[in-house]
Amino acid sequence: MSNSPSRPARVDLDRFDDAIIRVLSTDGRISATELARRIGLSKSPTQARMKRLEEAGVITGYRAMLEPIRMGQAHVAFVEVRLSDTREAALQAFNKAVLAVPEVEQCHMIASRFDYLLKVRTSDIQDYRRVLAERISALPHVASTSTYVAMEAVKDLF
């Protein structure tokens, strides 16, 4: 038996489900009445579909979209991380530890010449340098890193 996470079952979605998801992905605060109007159903079936999508794990929550630049977090860097050990225990140790680094917005295990790709957001290059030295490089099994600084976000959904 493997310790790797199992993939969730795929949920079959019809055109109304797709429409609900599309609208909610851009406006999570829309009223059920307005959502129903936009997708062409009445309020009760729309609410029932939303509840079903939530219970099935398709909709996992609702959140506020924040503007990092207005919060003083304008610096974005992507960091390739190479580990010294890629056995399962080392991967799990890295995965657990990286979750505790608040400046890491995203962490993806990659099938490439490096092991992980991190999206790191800080206030400026000096703050990034500190985070790299004190937090990222100190994560379990980190052998090396390479940094790419983003100059502009052309498309950023999250």
Protein backbone atom coordinates (compact mmCIF):
# COMPACT_ATOMS: atom_id res chain seq x y z
CA MET A 1 0.00 0.00 0.00
CA SER A 2 1.40 3.41 -0.99
CA ASN A 3 1.73 6.43 1.29
CA SER A 4 1.09 8.80 -1.60
CA PRO A 5 -2.23 10.68 -1.53
CA SER A 6 -5.04 9.13 -3.55
CA ARG A 7 -6.65 11.14 -6.28
CA PRO A 8 -10.19 12.30 -5.56
CA ALA A 9 -12.91 10.83 -7.72
CA ARG A 10 -13.88 12.92 -10.71
CA VAL A 11 -17.31 14.53 -10.46
CA ASP A 12 -19.50 14.63 -13.55
CA LEU A 13 -20.58 18.20 -14.24
CA ASP A 14 -23.31 19.38 -16.57
CA ARG A 15 -23.65 22.78 -18.21
CA PHE A 16 -25.44 24.30 -15.18
CA ASP A 17 -22.70 23.07 -12.82
CA ASP A 18 -20.08 24.52 -15.17
CA ALA A 19 -21.95 27.83 -15.23
CA ILE A 20 -22.18 27.93 -11.42
CA ILE A 21 -18.46 27.27 -11.09
CA ARG A 22 -17.58 29.87 -13.72
CA VAL A 23 -19.66 32.59 -12.05
CA LEU A 24 -18.53 31.74 -8.50
CA SER A 25 -14.88 31.69 -9.55
CA THR A 26 -15.14 35.37 -10.45
CA ASP A 27 -17.75 36.48 -7.88
CA GLY A 28 -17.94 34.31 -4.75
CA ARG A 29 -20.20 36.83 -3.00
CA ILE A 30 -22.98 36.73 -5.58
CA SER A 31 -26.43 36.11 -4.12
CA ALA A 32 -28.15 32.83 -4.89
CA THR A 33 -30.94 34.75 -6.61
CA GLU A 34 -28.53 36.58 -8.93
CA LEU A 35 -26.53 33.39 -9.58
CA ALA A 36 -29.75 31.57 -10.51
CA ARG A 37 -30.71 34.39 -12.87
CA ARG A 38 -27.31 34.34 -14.58
CA ILE A 39 -27.30 30.58 -15.18
CA GLY A 40 -30.97 30.30 -16.16
CA LEU A 41 -32.35 28.24 -13.26
CA SER A 42 -34.60 29.10 -10.35
CA LYS A 43 -33.13 29.79 -6.90
CA SER A 44 -33.92 26.43 -5.22
CA PRO A 45 -32.30 24.17 -7.85
CA THR A 46 -29.31 26.53 -7.99
CA GLN A 47 -28.85 26.31 -4.21
CA ALA A 48 -29.23 22.52 -4.32
CA ARG A 49 -26.56 22.30 -7.03
CA MET A 50 -24.22 24.56 -5.04
CA LYS A 51 -24.68 22.35 -1.97
CA ARG A 52 -24.01 19.21 -4.05
CA LEU A 53 -20.86 20.77 -5.55
CA GLU A 54 -19.65 21.70 -2.04
CA GLU A 55 -20.37 18.22 -0.65
CA ALA A 56 -18.61 16.60 -3.62
CA GLY A 57 -15.52 18.72 -2.95
CA VAL A 58 -15.71 20.60 -6.26
CA ILE A 59 -16.28 23.86 -4.38
CA THR A 60 -13.88 23.76 -1.46
CA GLY A 61 -14.57 27.19 0.04
CA TYR A 62 -14.98 30.89 -0.46
CA ARG A 63 -12.35 33.52 0.23
CA ALA A 64 -11.49 37.16 -0.19
CA MET A 65 -9.18 38.04 -3.06
CA LEU A 66 -6.40 40.25 -1.71
CA GLU A 67 -4.16 42.71 -3.53
CA PRO A 68 -0.62 41.86 -2.35
CA ILE A 69 0.91 45.06 -3.74
CA ARG A 70 -1.41 47.22 -1.61
CA MET A 71 -0.32 45.11 1.37
CA GLY A 72 3.36 45.80 0.73
CA GLN A 73 4.07 42.40 -0.86
CA ALA A 74 5.05 43.42 -4.40
CA HIS A 75 8.14 41.21 -4.86
CA VAL A 76 7.51 37.81 -6.47
CA ALA A 77 10.19 35.20 -7.01
CA PHE A 78 10.00 31.67 -8.34
CA VAL A 79 12.48 29.32 -6.73
CA GLU A 80 13.69 26.00 -8.08
CA VAL A 81 14.60 23.74 -5.18
CA ARG A 82 16.83 20.69 -5.52
CA LEU A 83 16.84 18.23 -2.64
CA SER A 84 19.79 16.17 -1.46
CA ASP A 85 17.49 13.20 -0.87
CA THR A 86 14.33 12.33 -2.77
CA ARG A 87 13.23 9.25 -0.88
CA GLU A 88 9.66 9.38 0.39
CA ALA A 89 10.58 10.32 3.98
CA ALA A 90 12.66 13.27 2.73
CA LEU A 91 9.89 14.45 0.42
CA GLN A 92 7.35 14.26 3.24
CA ALA A 93 9.67 16.17 5.60
CA PHE A 94 10.13 18.93 3.01
CA ASN A 95 6.38 19.03 2.24
CA LYS A 96 5.47 19.41 5.90
CA ALA A 97 8.12 22.06 6.61
CA VAL A 98 7.38 24.24 3.56
CA LEU A 99 3.76 24.61 4.70
CA ALA A 100 5.04 26.61 7.69
CA VAL A 101 6.78 29.27 5.54
CA PRO A 102 4.18 32.04 5.12
CA GLU A 103 6.04 33.75 2.27
CA VAL A 104 5.66 30.63 0.10
CA GLU A 105 2.37 31.14 -1.76
CA GLN A 106 2.64 27.99 -3.85
CA CYS A 107 4.76 24.85 -3.78
CA HIS A 108 4.72 22.27 -6.55
CA MET A 109 6.66 19.01 -6.84
CA ILE A 110 8.10 19.00 -10.36
CA ALA A 111 9.24 16.24 -12.70
CA SER A 112 12.38 17.98 -13.95
CA ARG A 113 16.06 18.57 -13.20
CA PHE A 114 14.92 20.11 -9.90
CA ASP A 115 12.41 18.80 -7.36
CA TYR A 116 10.14 21.68 -6.35
CA LEU A 117 9.04 25.03 -7.72
CA LEU A 118 8.03 27.64 -5.15
CA LYS A 119 6.24 30.95 -5.65
CA VAL A 120 7.51 33.29 -2.95
CA ARG A 121 6.05 36.72 -2.19
CA THR A 122 7.91 39.30 -0.10
CA SER A 123 8.07 43.08 0.27
CA ASP A 124 11.32 43.56 -1.65
CA ILE A 125 14.56 41.88 -2.73
CA GLN A 126 16.17 42.33 0.70
CA ASP A 127 13.22 40.64 2.39
CA TYR A 128 13.36 37.85 -0.21
CA ARG A 129 17.08 37.37 0.44
CA ARG A 130 16.37 36.97 4.16
CA VAL A 131 13.54 34.47 3.52
CA LEU A 132 15.76 32.49 1.15
CA ALA A 133 18.66 32.36 3.60
CA GLU A 134 16.77 31.82 6.82
CA ARG A 135 13.71 29.83 5.79
CA ILE A 136 13.89 28.22 2.36
CA SER A 137 17.53 27.12 2.49
CA ALA A 138 16.91 25.78 6.01
CA LEU A 139 14.09 23.47 4.89
CA PRO A 140 14.84 19.75 5.24
CA HIS A 141 17.10 18.24 2.56
CA VAL A 142 17.53 21.44 0.48
CA ALA A 143 20.73 21.03 -1.52
CA SER A 144 20.46 24.07 -3.79
CA THR A 145 18.10 26.73 -5.09
CA SER A 146 17.81 28.92 -8.18
CA THR A 147 15.77 32.11 -8.13
CA TYR A 148 13.83 33.81 -10.92
CA VAL A 149 12.39 37.24 -10.10
CA ALA A 150 9.07 38.10 -11.73
CA MET A 151 8.98 41.51 -13.39
CA GLU A 152 5.23 41.57 -14.11
CA ALA A 153 2.23 39.29 -13.60
CA VAL A 154 0.52 39.01 -16.96
CA LYS A 155 -2.11 36.53 -15.72
CA ASP A 156 -2.52 35.71 -12.05
CA LEU A 157 -5.71 33.95 -10.96
CA PHE A 158 -4.80 33.56 -7.30
